[in-house]
Amino acid sequence: MTILVYLIPVALLLGGLGLSGFLWALRSGQYEDLDGAAERILIDRDERPER
């Protein structure tokens, strides 16, 4: 039962870190262009120099 004294604050801390990371990603524009990444995979760019 005494282990809960340690586990509950650790769980709250990890949850808070996850939430703050998610909010940081929202504010920095990580989720602005959701279709761009899906369409970039279809573009054939051969950027290797020809020999």
PDB file of N, CA and C in Angstrom:
ATOM      1  N   MET A   1       0.811  -1.189   0.000  1.00  0.00           N
ATOM      2  CA  MET A   1       0.000   0.000   0.000  1.00  0.00           C
ATOM      3  C   MET A   1       0.860   1.260   0.000  1.00  0.00           C
ATOM      4  N   THR A   2       2.037   1.163   0.580  1.00  0.00           N
ATOM      5  CA  THR A   2       2.904   2.347   0.629  1.00  0.00           C
ATOM      6  C   THR A   2       3.513   2.647  -0.735  1.00  0.00           C
ATOM      7  N   ILE A   3       3.497   1.673  -1.628  1.00  0.00           N
ATOM      8  CA  ILE A   3       4.035   1.909  -2.966  1.00  0.00           C
ATOM      9  C   ILE A   3       3.170   2.902  -3.735  1.00  0.00           C
ATOM     10  N   LEU A   4       1.887   2.988  -3.380  1.00  0.00           N
ATOM     11  CA  LEU A   4       0.988   3.943  -4.037  1.00  0.00           C
ATOM     12  C   LEU A   4       1.402   5.379  -3.763  1.00  0.00           C
ATOM     13  N   VAL A   5       2.049   5.612  -2.642  1.00  0.00           N
ATOM     14  CA  VAL A   5       2.541   6.952  -2.320  1.00  0.00           C
ATOM     15  C   VAL A   5       3.565   7.390  -3.365  1.00  0.00           C
ATOM     16  N   TYR A   6       4.288   6.462  -3.935  1.00  0.00           N
ATOM     17  CA  TYR A   6       5.285   6.776  -4.964  1.00  0.00           C
ATOM     18  C   TYR A   6       4.703   6.704  -6.369  1.00  0.00           C
ATOM     19  N   LEU A   7       3.842   5.733  -6.609  1.00  0.00           N
ATOM     20  CA  LEU A   7       3.338   5.508  -7.957  1.00  0.00           C
ATOM     21  C   LEU A   7       2.365   6.582  -8.424  1.00  0.00           C
ATOM     22  N   ILE A   8       1.520   7.074  -7.544  1.00  0.00           N
ATOM     23  CA  ILE A   8       0.527   8.075  -7.943  1.00  0.00           C
ATOM     24  C   ILE A   8       1.194   9.382  -8.367  1.00  0.00           C
ATOM     25  N   PRO A   9       2.148   9.937  -7.622  1.00  0.00           N
ATOM     26  CA  PRO A   9       2.818  11.154  -8.103  1.00  0.00           C
ATOM     27  C   PRO A   9       3.622  10.930  -9.386  1.00  0.00           C
ATOM     28  N   VAL A  10       4.224   9.773  -9.527  1.00  0.00           N
ATOM     29  CA  VAL A  10       4.975   9.481 -10.750  1.00  0.00           C
ATOM     30  C   VAL A  10       4.027   9.410 -11.943  1.00  0.00           C
ATOM     31  N   ALA A  11       2.872   8.777 -11.761  1.00  0.00           N
ATOM     32  CA  ALA A  11       1.888   8.688 -12.842  1.00  0.00           C
ATOM     33  C   ALA A  11       1.358  10.069 -13.205  1.00  0.00           C
ATOM     34  N   LEU A  12       1.095  10.906 -12.216  1.00  0.00           N
ATOM     35  CA  LEU A  12       0.629  12.268 -12.485  1.00  0.00           C
ATOM     36  C   LEU A  12       1.701  13.096 -13.186  1.00  0.00           C
ATOM     37  N   LEU A  13       2.941  12.918 -12.794  1.00  0.00           N
ATOM     38  CA  LEU A  13       4.048  13.635 -13.433  1.00  0.00           C
ATOM     39  C   LEU A  13       4.196  13.214 -14.893  1.00  0.00           C
ATOM     40  N   LEU A  14       4.152  11.925 -15.169  1.00  0.00           N
ATOM     41  CA  LEU A  14       4.276  11.444 -16.546  1.00  0.00           C
ATOM     42  C   LEU A  14       3.083  11.880 -17.396  1.00  0.00           C
ATOM     43  N   GLY A  15       1.897  11.867 -16.817  1.00  0.00           N
ATOM     44  CA  GLY A  15       0.720  12.353 -17.535  1.00  0.00           C
ATOM     45  C   GLY A  15       0.833  13.835 -17.848  1.00  0.00           C
ATOM     46  N   GLY A  16       1.329  14.620 -16.892  1.00  0.00           N
ATOM     47  CA  GLY A  16       1.534  16.045 -17.121  1.00  0.00           C
ATOM     48  C   GLY A  16       2.587  16.313 -18.182  1.00  0.00           C
ATOM     49  N   LEU A  17       3.645  15.512 -18.204  1.00  0.00           N
ATOM     50  CA  LEU A  17       4.670  15.665 -19.244  1.00  0.00           C
ATOM     51  C   LEU A  17       4.109  15.338 -20.624  1.00  0.00           C
ATOM     52  N   GLY A  18       3.307  14.297 -20.692  1.00  0.00           N
ATOM     53  CA  GLY A  18       2.683  13.951 -21.968  1.00  0.00           C
ATOM     54  C   GLY A  18       1.729  15.022 -22.448  1.00  0.00           C
ATOM     55  N   LEU A  19       0.948  15.561 -21.551  1.00  0.00           N
ATOM     56  CA  LEU A  19       0.004  16.619 -21.902  1.00  0.00           C
ATOM     57  C   LEU A  19       0.739  17.882 -22.328  1.00  0.00           C
ATOM     58  N   SER A  20       1.798  18.244 -21.620  1.00  0.00           N
ATOM     59  CA  SER A  20       2.548  19.443 -22.002  1.00  0.00           C
ATOM     60  C   SER A  20       3.256  19.249 -23.343  1.00  0.00           C
ATOM     61  N   GLY A  21       3.726  18.048 -23.626  1.00  0.00           N
ATOM     62  CA  GLY A  21       4.322  17.778 -24.934  1.00  0.00           C
ATOM     63  C   GLY A  21       3.309  17.877 -26.055  1.00  0.00           C
ATOM     64  N   PHE A  22       2.118  17.390 -25.814  1.00  0.00           N
ATOM     65  CA  PHE A  22       1.055  17.478 -26.813  1.00  0.00           C
ATOM     66  C   PHE A  22       0.649  18.924 -27.055  1.00  0.00           C
ATOM     67  N   LEU A  23       0.506  19.699 -25.985  1.00  0.00           N
ATOM     68  CA  LEU A  23       0.148  21.109 -26.139  1.00  0.00           C
ATOM     69  C   LEU A  23       1.254  21.893 -26.843  1.00  0.00           C
ATOM     70  N   TRP A  24       2.502  21.555 -26.567  1.00  0.00           N
ATOM     71  CA  TRP A  24       3.618  22.206 -27.260  1.00  0.00           C
ATOM     72  C   TRP A  24       3.553  21.905 -28.762  1.00  0.00           C
ATOM     73  N   ALA A  25       3.251  20.661 -29.112  1.00  0.00           N
ATOM     74  CA  ALA A  25       3.151  20.283 -30.518  1.00  0.00           C
ATOM     75  C   ALA A  25       2.004  21.017 -31.207  1.00  0.00           C
ATOM     76  N   LEU A  26       0.900  21.202 -30.513  1.00  0.00           N
ATOM     77  CA  LEU A  26      -0.215  21.951 -31.088  1.00  0.00           C
ATOM     78  C   LEU A  26       0.160  23.407 -31.344  1.00  0.00           C
ATOM     79  N   ARG A  27       0.831  24.025 -30.383  1.00  0.00           N
ATOM     80  CA  ARG A  27       1.189  25.435 -30.517  1.00  0.00           C
ATOM     81  C   ARG A  27       2.278  25.666 -31.546  1.00  0.00           C
ATOM     82  N   SER A  28       3.159  24.701 -31.746  1.00  0.00           N
ATOM     83  CA  SER A  28       4.262  24.895 -32.690  1.00  0.00           C
ATOM     84  C   SER A  28       3.885  24.529 -34.121  1.00  0.00           C
ATOM     85  N   GLY A  29       2.642  24.099 -34.355  1.00  0.00           N
ATOM     86  CA  GLY A  29       2.170  23.859 -35.713  1.00  0.00           C
ATOM     87  C   GLY A  29       2.472  22.476 -36.262  1.00  0.00           C
ATOM     88  N   GLN A  30       2.678  21.507 -35.413  1.00  0.00           N
ATOM     89  CA  GLN A  30       2.981  20.159 -35.873  1.00  0.00           C
ATOM     90  C   GLN A  30       1.802  19.498 -36.580  1.00  0.00           C
ATOM     91  N   TYR A  31       0.592  19.933 -36.282  1.00  0.00           N
ATOM     92  CA  TYR A  31      -0.605  19.308 -36.838  1.00  0.00           C
ATOM     93  C   TYR A  31      -1.292  20.197 -37.866  1.00  0.00           C
ATOM     94  N   GLU A  32      -0.595  21.174 -38.427  1.00  0.00           N
ATOM     95  CA  GLU A  32      -1.205  22.104 -39.376  1.00  0.00           C
ATOM     96  C   GLU A  32      -1.495  21.451 -40.724  1.00  0.00           C
ATOM     97  N   ASP A  33      -0.533  20.727 -41.274  1.00  0.00           N
ATOM     98  CA  ASP A  33      -0.661  20.172 -42.619  1.00  0.00           C
ATOM     99  C   ASP A  33      -0.713  18.650 -42.536  1.00  0.00           C
ATOM    100  N   LEU A  34      -1.892  18.110 -42.306  1.00  0.00           N
ATOM    101  CA  LEU A  34      -2.017  16.662 -42.168  1.00  0.00           C
ATOM    102  C   LEU A  34      -1.977  15.943 -43.510  1.00  0.00           C
ATOM    103  N   ASP A  35      -2.422  16.605 -44.574  1.00  0.00           N
ATOM    104  CA  ASP A  35      -2.439  15.962 -45.885  1.00  0.00           C
ATOM    105  C   ASP A  35      -1.091  16.064 -46.591  1.00  0.00           C
ATOM    106  N   GLY A  36      -0.272  16.994 -46.204  1.00  0.00           N
ATOM    107  CA  GLY A  36       1.013  17.191 -46.865  1.00  0.00           C
ATOM    108  C   GLY A  36       1.930  15.989 -46.753  1.00  0.00           C
ATOM    109  N   ALA A  37       2.012  15.399 -45.578  1.00  0.00           N
ATOM    110  CA  ALA A  37       2.880  14.238 -45.381  1.00  0.00           C
ATOM    111  C   ALA A  37       2.371  13.039 -46.187  1.00  0.00           C
ATOM    112  N   ALA A  38       1.061  12.907 -46.286  1.00  0.00           N
ATOM    113  CA  ALA A  38       0.505  11.786 -47.045  1.00  0.00           C
ATOM    114  C   ALA A  38       0.751  11.963 -48.545  1.00  0.00           C
ATOM    115  N   GLU A  39       0.765  13.198 -49.017  1.00  0.00           N
ATOM    116  CA  GLU A  39       0.987  13.435 -50.439  1.00  0.00           C
ATOM    117  C   GLU A  39       2.476  13.457 -50.805  1.00  0.00           C
ATOM    118  N   ARG A  40       3.327  13.809 -49.856  1.00  0.00           N
ATOM    119  CA  ARG A  40       4.771  13.852 -50.143  1.00  0.00           C
ATOM    120  C   ARG A  40       5.333  12.477 -50.458  1.00  0.00           C
ATOM    121  N   ILE A  41       4.726  11.437 -49.917  1.00  0.00           N
ATOM    122  CA  ILE A  41       5.213  10.086 -50.175  1.00  0.00           C
ATOM    123  C   ILE A  41       4.977   9.686 -51.632  1.00  0.00           C
ATOM    124  N   LEU A  42       4.012  10.321 -52.278  1.00  0.00           N
ATOM    125  CA  LEU A  42       3.678   9.970 -53.650  1.00  0.00           C
ATOM    126  C   LEU A  42       4.534  10.694 -54.679  1.00  0.00           C
ATOM    127  N   ILE A  43       5.224  11.756 -54.289  1.00  0.00           N
ATOM    128  CA  ILE A  43       6.044  12.532 -55.212  1.00  0.00           C
ATOM    129  C   ILE A  43       7.360  11.790 -55.437  1.00  0.00           C
ATOM    130  N   ASP A  44       7.676  11.556 -56.699  1.00  0.00           N
ATOM    131  CA  ASP A  44       8.899  10.840 -57.044  1.00  0.00           C
ATOM    132  C   ASP A  44      10.007  11.858 -57.293  1.00  0.00           C
ATOM    133  N   ARG A  45      10.860  12.012 -56.339  1.00  0.00           N
ATOM    134  CA  ARG A  45      11.991  12.927 -56.461  1.00  0.00           C
ATOM    135  C   ARG A  45      13.274  12.104 -56.462  1.00  0.00           C
ATOM    136  N   ASP A  46      13.945  12.131 -57.543  1.00  0.00           N
ATOM    137  CA  ASP A  46      15.223  11.437 -57.624  1.00  0.00           C
ATOM    138  C   ASP A  46      16.308  12.501 -57.520  1.00  0.00           C
ATOM    139  N   GLU A  47      16.760  12.749 -56.316  1.00  0.00           N
ATOM    140  CA  GLU A  47      17.720  13.806 -56.074  1.00  0.00           C
ATOM    141  C   GLU A  47      19.166  13.333 -56.100  1.00  0.00           C
ATOM    142  N   ARG A  48      19.379  12.111 -56.520  1.00  0.00           N
ATOM    143  CA  ARG A  48      20.748  11.616 -56.632  1.00  0.00           C
ATOM    144  C   ARG A  48      21.400  12.189 -57.877  1.00  0.00           C
ATOM    145  N   PRO A  49      22.625  12.663 -57.755  1.00  0.00           N
ATOM    146  CA  PRO A  49      23.285  13.223 -58.955  1.00  0.00           C
ATOM    147  C   PRO A  49      23.605  12.116 -59.967  1.00  0.00           C
ATOM    148  N   GLU A  50      23.414  12.463 -61.222  1.00  0.00           N
ATOM    149  CA  GLU A  50      23.712  11.485 -62.282  1.00  0.00           C
ATOM    150  C   GLU A  50      25.202  11.473 -62.534  1.00  0.00           C
ATOM    151  N   ARG A  51      25.704  10.304 -62.863  1.00  0.00           N
ATOM    152  CA  ARG A  51      27.155  10.164 -63.112  1.00  0.00           C
ATOM    153  C   ARG A  51      27.428  10.020 -64.572  1.00  0.00           C
TER     154      ARG A  51
END
